Amino acid sequence: MSKKIAFQGELGAYGHEACVAARPDHEPLPCPTFVDAIESVRKGDADLGMIAVENSTYGRVADVHSLLPESGLQIVDEAFVRVHVNLLGHPDATLNDITEAHGHPVILPQCGKFLRENDIRPVGSTDNARAAREVAADGDVTKAALASELAADIYGLNILARHIEDHDRNTTRFLVMSREPDYRRRGDHGMMTSFVFRVRNIPASLYKAMGGFATNGVNMTKLESYMVGGQFTATQFYAEIEGHPDDRNVQLALEELDYFTDLVTLLGVYPAAARRHERD
């Protein structure tokens, strides 16, 4: 039986594209929501989950960081996917026919300039691949979808305009999730460690908690806060650092973090993707 990797969206979604690129030996399993994708891994219906966490144009994907600590899963890899947005239309349609373009609210602002210049009205959809499927089924030459070339192939649509995103480096970062961690690996481009923590309710606790990373030479690449439990006083932080928990400097930094926090939860130790270090 083939291994499966779950993603949010329908076949042809950018999550599907990420699965094909990062895990070509796994069968992609479409799921309606990120919660469903995570649950499919937890239940064993899928071996891995491909979860989008941030886009270089749009920013972080809403609610994902709050889902990760409760998922019971571990991050075992990261994948960076160059997001090319294409305008997909009915086979009989031309660009001049299009009056509205359907896509997920995250993708609409990513190609806002093109839509404005061509007087095309953006219309929200729950999923880009679903928008492509519905445009194909509707048969209306005035409607188009904003989606991947993979979606065009799957649903028999024509690509009326390629790569219409506003920024030529538009990239989405995905995390590969598994039921079991794997701390034995060492990546060719270094290691990453992800965790969440909650600081103690004392003055300058965040400043003191962060001090251990600076004094031990550990590079923190991400630090984001979000509310938990509906309380403004309960702030949780999501962090990513370069290095492995077995590294002595990381050990010392995490020990100091533990002293100033009420909660520290390790979410994953995984190889840094080569794309992380690209400058072009």
Protein backbone atom coordinates (compact mmCIF):
# COMPACT_ATOMS: atom_id res chain seq x y z
CA MET A 1 0.00 0.00 0.00
CA SER A 2 1.42 3.38 -1.00
CA LYS A 3 2.26 6.01 1.58
CA LYS A 4 0.01 9.08 1.69
CA ILE A 5 0.60 12.74 2.45
CA ALA A 6 -2.35 14.94 3.41
CA PHE A 7 -2.77 18.57 2.39
CA GLN A 8 -5.43 21.26 2.70
CA GLY A 9 -7.38 21.84 -0.50
CA GLU A 10 -8.50 19.95 -3.55
CA LEU A 11 -6.40 18.24 -6.19
CA GLY A 12 -4.51 20.92 -8.05
CA ALA A 13 -4.04 23.15 -4.99
CA TYR A 14 -0.64 24.61 -4.19
CA GLY A 15 -0.47 22.18 -1.27
CA HIS A 16 -0.85 19.38 -3.82
CA GLU A 17 1.99 20.91 -5.81
CA ALA A 18 4.13 21.01 -2.66
CA CYS A 19 3.41 17.31 -2.01
CA VAL A 20 4.44 16.34 -5.53
CA ALA A 21 7.66 18.36 -5.28
CA ALA A 22 8.72 17.36 -1.76
CA ARG A 23 7.34 13.82 -1.46
CA PRO A 24 6.93 12.37 -4.97
CA ASP A 25 6.86 8.86 -3.49
CA HIS A 26 3.69 9.64 -1.49
CA GLU A 27 0.12 9.71 -2.77
CA PRO A 28 -1.44 13.17 -2.15
CA LEU A 29 -4.57 13.10 0.04
CA PRO A 30 -6.78 16.21 -0.30
CA CYS A 31 -8.51 17.49 2.85
CA PRO A 32 -11.08 20.30 3.26
CA THR A 33 -9.23 22.12 6.08
CA PHE A 34 -5.89 22.17 7.87
CA VAL A 35 -7.62 20.56 10.85
CA ASP A 36 -8.76 17.70 8.62
CA ALA A 37 -5.27 17.28 7.18
CA ILE A 38 -3.73 17.13 10.64
CA GLU A 39 -6.43 14.73 11.88
CA SER A 40 -5.87 12.39 8.93
CA VAL A 41 -2.24 12.02 10.00
CA ARG A 42 -3.18 11.56 13.65
CA LYS A 43 -5.65 8.80 12.77
CA GLY A 44 -3.24 7.06 10.43
CA ASP A 45 -5.17 7.74 7.22
CA ALA A 46 -2.04 9.56 6.00
CA ASP A 47 1.62 9.08 6.87
CA LEU A 48 2.55 12.76 6.58
CA GLY A 49 0.88 16.16 6.44
CA MET A 50 1.89 19.10 4.23
CA ILE A 51 0.87 22.25 6.13
CA ALA A 52 1.26 25.77 4.72
CA VAL A 53 2.52 28.22 7.34
CA GLU A 54 3.52 31.42 5.58
CA ASN A 55 3.71 33.22 2.25
CA SER A 56 6.36 35.78 1.32
CA THR A 57 3.69 38.18 -0.01
CA TYR A 58 0.70 37.54 2.22
CA GLY A 59 2.40 36.69 5.50
CA ARG A 60 1.60 33.88 7.90
CA VAL A 61 -1.34 31.58 7.28
CA ALA A 62 -4.02 32.40 9.85
CA ASP A 63 -4.62 29.95 12.72
CA VAL A 64 -1.94 27.45 11.69
CA HIS A 65 0.51 28.27 14.48
CA SER A 66 -2.25 27.84 17.05
CA LEU A 67 -3.09 24.43 15.55
CA LEU A 68 0.45 23.03 15.62
CA PRO A 69 0.92 22.77 19.43
CA GLU A 70 -2.39 20.90 19.81
CA SER A 71 -1.86 18.62 16.83
CA GLY A 72 0.19 15.99 18.60
CA LEU A 73 2.38 15.86 15.47
CA GLN A 74 6.04 16.69 14.91
CA ILE A 75 7.65 18.78 12.17
CA VAL A 76 10.09 16.56 10.24
CA ASP A 77 10.84 18.75 7.20
CA GLU A 78 10.21 22.11 5.57
CA ALA A 79 9.49 22.85 1.92
CA PHE A 80 9.56 26.14 0.02
CA VAL A 81 7.33 26.25 -3.05
CA ARG A 82 7.55 29.03 -5.61
CA VAL A 83 3.92 30.07 -6.11
CA HIS A 84 3.13 30.96 -9.70
CA VAL A 85 -0.40 32.30 -10.03
CA ASN A 86 -2.06 31.66 -13.38
CA LEU A 87 -5.36 32.86 -14.82
CA LEU A 88 -7.25 29.74 -15.91
CA GLY A 89 -10.30 29.92 -18.16
CA HIS A 90 -12.72 27.84 -20.19
CA PRO A 91 -11.12 26.39 -23.37
CA ASP A 92 -13.21 28.77 -25.50
CA ALA A 93 -12.36 31.86 -23.44
CA THR A 94 -9.82 34.58 -24.15
CA LEU A 95 -8.30 37.06 -21.71
CA ASN A 96 -10.60 39.79 -23.04
CA ASP A 97 -13.65 37.70 -22.12
CA ILE A 98 -12.78 37.50 -18.42
CA THR A 99 -14.71 39.78 -16.05
CA GLU A 100 -14.15 37.96 -12.76
CA ALA A 101 -11.45 35.75 -11.27
CA HIS A 102 -12.12 33.28 -8.47
CA GLY A 103 -9.52 32.35 -5.88
CA HIS A 104 -8.81 31.95 -2.19
CA PRO A 105 -8.73 35.26 -0.24
CA VAL A 106 -5.02 34.67 0.36
CA ILE A 107 -4.21 34.54 -3.35
CA LEU A 108 -6.38 37.45 -4.54
CA PRO A 109 -4.10 40.23 -3.21
CA GLN A 110 -1.05 38.40 -4.55
CA CYS A 111 -2.06 39.31 -8.10
CA GLY A 112 -4.03 42.48 -7.41
CA LYS A 113 -2.07 44.59 -9.91
CA PHE A 114 -2.85 42.26 -12.83
CA LEU A 115 -6.54 42.12 -11.94
CA ARG A 116 -6.83 45.90 -11.70
CA GLU A 117 -4.99 46.47 -14.98
CA ASN A 118 -7.31 44.06 -16.78
CA ASP A 119 -10.49 45.26 -15.05
CA ILE A 120 -11.15 41.81 -13.57
CA ARG A 121 -13.19 41.57 -10.39
CA PRO A 122 -11.70 39.31 -7.68
CA VAL A 123 -14.15 36.79 -6.19
CA GLY A 124 -13.35 34.80 -3.05
CA SER A 125 -13.39 31.01 -3.01
CA THR A 126 -12.61 28.49 -0.26
CA ASP A 127 -9.83 26.94 -2.33
CA ASN A 128 -7.95 27.79 -5.53
CA ALA A 129 -8.27 24.29 -6.96
CA ARG A 130 -11.97 24.28 -6.14
CA ALA A 131 -12.29 27.56 -8.02
CA ALA A 132 -10.64 25.89 -11.03
CA ARG A 133 -12.96 22.89 -10.79
CA GLU A 134 -16.05 25.09 -10.57
CA VAL A 135 -14.95 27.30 -13.46
CA ALA A 136 -14.48 24.17 -15.58
CA ALA A 137 -17.91 22.85 -14.62
CA ASP A 138 -19.68 26.20 -15.13
CA GLY A 139 -18.55 26.70 -18.71
CA ASP A 140 -18.96 30.50 -18.46
CA VAL A 141 -16.28 32.16 -20.61
CA THR A 142 -16.39 35.31 -18.45
CA LYS A 143 -15.22 33.47 -15.33
CA ALA A 144 -11.66 32.43 -14.55
CA ALA A 145 -9.75 30.86 -11.68
CA LEU A 146 -6.46 31.86 -10.06
CA ALA A 147 -4.59 28.61 -9.63
CA SER A 148 -1.62 26.45 -10.53
CA GLU A 149 -0.69 24.90 -13.87
CA LEU A 150 -1.33 21.56 -12.17
CA ALA A 151 -4.97 22.62 -11.66
CA ALA A 152 -5.24 23.57 -15.33
CA ASP A 153 -4.09 20.08 -16.32
CA ILE A 154 -6.42 18.34 -13.90
CA TYR A 155 -9.57 20.28 -14.81
CA GLY A 156 -8.98 20.85 -18.51
CA LEU A 157 -8.66 24.62 -18.41
CA ASN A 158 -6.58 26.92 -20.60
CA ILE A 159 -3.89 29.14 -19.13
CA LEU A 160 -4.94 32.61 -20.29
CA ALA A 161 -2.10 34.38 -18.46
CA ARG A 162 0.92 32.87 -16.73
CA HIS A 163 2.75 34.01 -13.63
CA ILE A 164 0.58 37.02 -12.87
CA GLU A 165 1.66 37.37 -9.23
CA ASP A 166 2.73 40.88 -8.20
CA HIS A 167 6.08 39.76 -6.77
CA ASP A 168 8.49 37.59 -8.72
CA ARG A 169 9.70 35.85 -5.55
CA ASN A 170 6.27 34.86 -4.29
CA THR A 171 6.94 31.75 -2.20
CA THR A 172 4.98 29.66 0.30
CA ARG A 173 6.66 27.74 3.09
CA PHE A 174 5.21 24.40 4.14
CA LEU A 175 5.96 22.19 7.13
CA VAL A 176 5.92 18.42 6.76
CA MET A 177 4.27 16.84 9.81
CA SER A 178 4.56 13.28 11.12
CA ARG A 179 3.25 11.27 14.06
CA GLU A 180 6.81 10.48 15.18
CA PRO A 181 9.84 12.78 15.52
CA ASP A 182 13.21 11.93 14.02
CA TYR A 183 16.08 13.54 15.91
CA ARG A 184 18.80 11.40 14.34
CA ARG A 185 19.09 13.27 11.04
CA ARG A 186 21.55 16.00 10.27
CA GLY A 187 20.83 18.15 7.22
CA ASP A 188 23.33 19.25 4.59
CA HIS A 189 22.26 22.86 5.18
CA GLY A 190 22.00 22.74 8.97
CA MET A 191 19.12 21.96 11.30
CA MET A 192 16.07 23.85 12.51
CA THR A 193 14.23 23.51 15.81
CA SER A 194 10.67 24.76 16.29
CA PHE A 195 8.93 25.19 19.64
CA VAL A 196 6.27 27.17 21.47
CA PHE A 197 6.66 28.74 24.90
CA ARG A 198 4.79 30.86 27.39
CA VAL A 199 6.73 33.27 29.59
CA ARG A 200 6.23 33.60 33.33
CA ASN A 201 4.27 36.63 34.53
CA ILE A 202 7.26 38.60 35.79
CA PRO A 203 8.78 41.88 34.56
CA ALA A 204 11.04 41.61 31.49
CA SER A 205 10.48 37.83 31.32
CA LEU A 206 10.52 37.73 27.50
CA TYR A 207 13.70 39.79 27.37
CA LYS A 208 15.36 37.48 29.90
CA ALA A 209 14.12 34.34 28.17
CA MET A 210 15.59 35.52 24.87
CA GLY A 211 18.93 36.41 26.42
CA GLY A 212 20.10 32.81 26.50
CA PHE A 213 19.94 32.53 22.72
CA ALA A 214 22.03 35.66 22.23
CA THR A 215 24.70 34.77 24.80
CA ASN A 216 25.03 31.23 23.44
CA GLY A 217 25.24 32.28 19.79
CA VAL A 218 21.97 30.66 18.69
CA ASN A 219 20.29 32.37 15.76
CA MET A 220 16.54 32.78 16.22
CA THR A 221 14.94 33.05 12.76
CA LYS A 222 11.34 33.48 13.86
CA LEU A 223 9.45 34.72 16.92
CA GLU A 224 5.70 35.28 16.72
CA SER A 225 3.13 35.82 19.45
CA TYR A 226 -0.55 34.90 19.54
CA MET A 227 -3.30 34.78 22.13
CA VAL A 228 -4.43 31.51 23.67
CA GLY A 229 -7.62 30.60 25.47
CA GLY A 230 -9.30 33.88 24.57
CA GLN A 231 -7.30 35.74 27.22
CA PHE A 232 -5.28 38.87 26.55
CA THR A 233 -2.96 37.99 29.44
CA ALA A 234 -2.09 34.53 28.09
CA THR A 235 0.34 35.11 25.25
CA GLN A 236 2.11 32.19 23.64
CA PHE A 237 5.14 32.47 21.38
CA TYR A 238 6.10 30.38 18.36
CA ALA A 239 9.83 30.30 17.72
CA GLU A 240 12.30 28.78 15.29
CA ILE A 241 16.03 28.58 15.82
CA GLU A 242 18.99 27.31 13.85
CA GLY A 243 20.54 24.23 15.39
CA HIS A 244 19.72 20.90 17.02
CA PRO A 245 18.73 20.37 20.69
CA ASP A 246 21.77 18.09 21.04
CA ASP A 247 24.10 21.00 20.17
CA ARG A 248 25.68 22.30 23.37
CA ASN A 249 24.88 25.96 22.70
CA VAL A 250 21.25 25.10 21.94
CA GLN A 251 21.06 23.02 25.13
CA LEU A 252 22.25 25.96 27.21
CA ALA A 253 19.87 28.39 25.52
CA LEU A 254 16.86 26.09 26.05
CA GLU A 255 17.81 25.56 29.70
CA GLU A 256 17.80 29.32 30.25
CA LEU A 257 14.50 29.61 28.36
CA ASP A 258 12.98 26.95 30.61
CA TYR A 259 13.84 28.99 33.72
CA PHE A 260 11.79 31.99 32.59
CA THR A 261 8.80 30.14 31.13
CA ASP A 262 5.72 28.27 32.33
CA LEU A 263 5.58 26.12 29.20
CA VAL A 264 8.01 24.97 26.51
CA THR A 265 6.79 22.49 23.89
CA LEU A 266 9.10 21.14 21.20
CA LEU A 267 7.30 20.98 17.83
CA GLY A 268 10.03 19.58 15.64
CA VAL A 269 13.68 19.14 14.75
CA TYR A 270 14.29 19.01 11.01
CA PRO A 271 16.83 19.73 8.25
CA ALA A 272 16.91 23.28 6.95
CA ALA A 273 15.81 23.41 3.31
CA ALA A 274 18.41 24.52 0.77
CA ARG A 275 15.95 27.20 -0.36
CA ARG A 276 16.22 28.87 3.06
CA HIS A 277 19.75 29.99 2.25
CA GLU A 278 19.13 31.20 -1.31
CA ARG A 279 19.56 34.91 -1.87
CA ASP A 280 18.29 35.19 -5.45
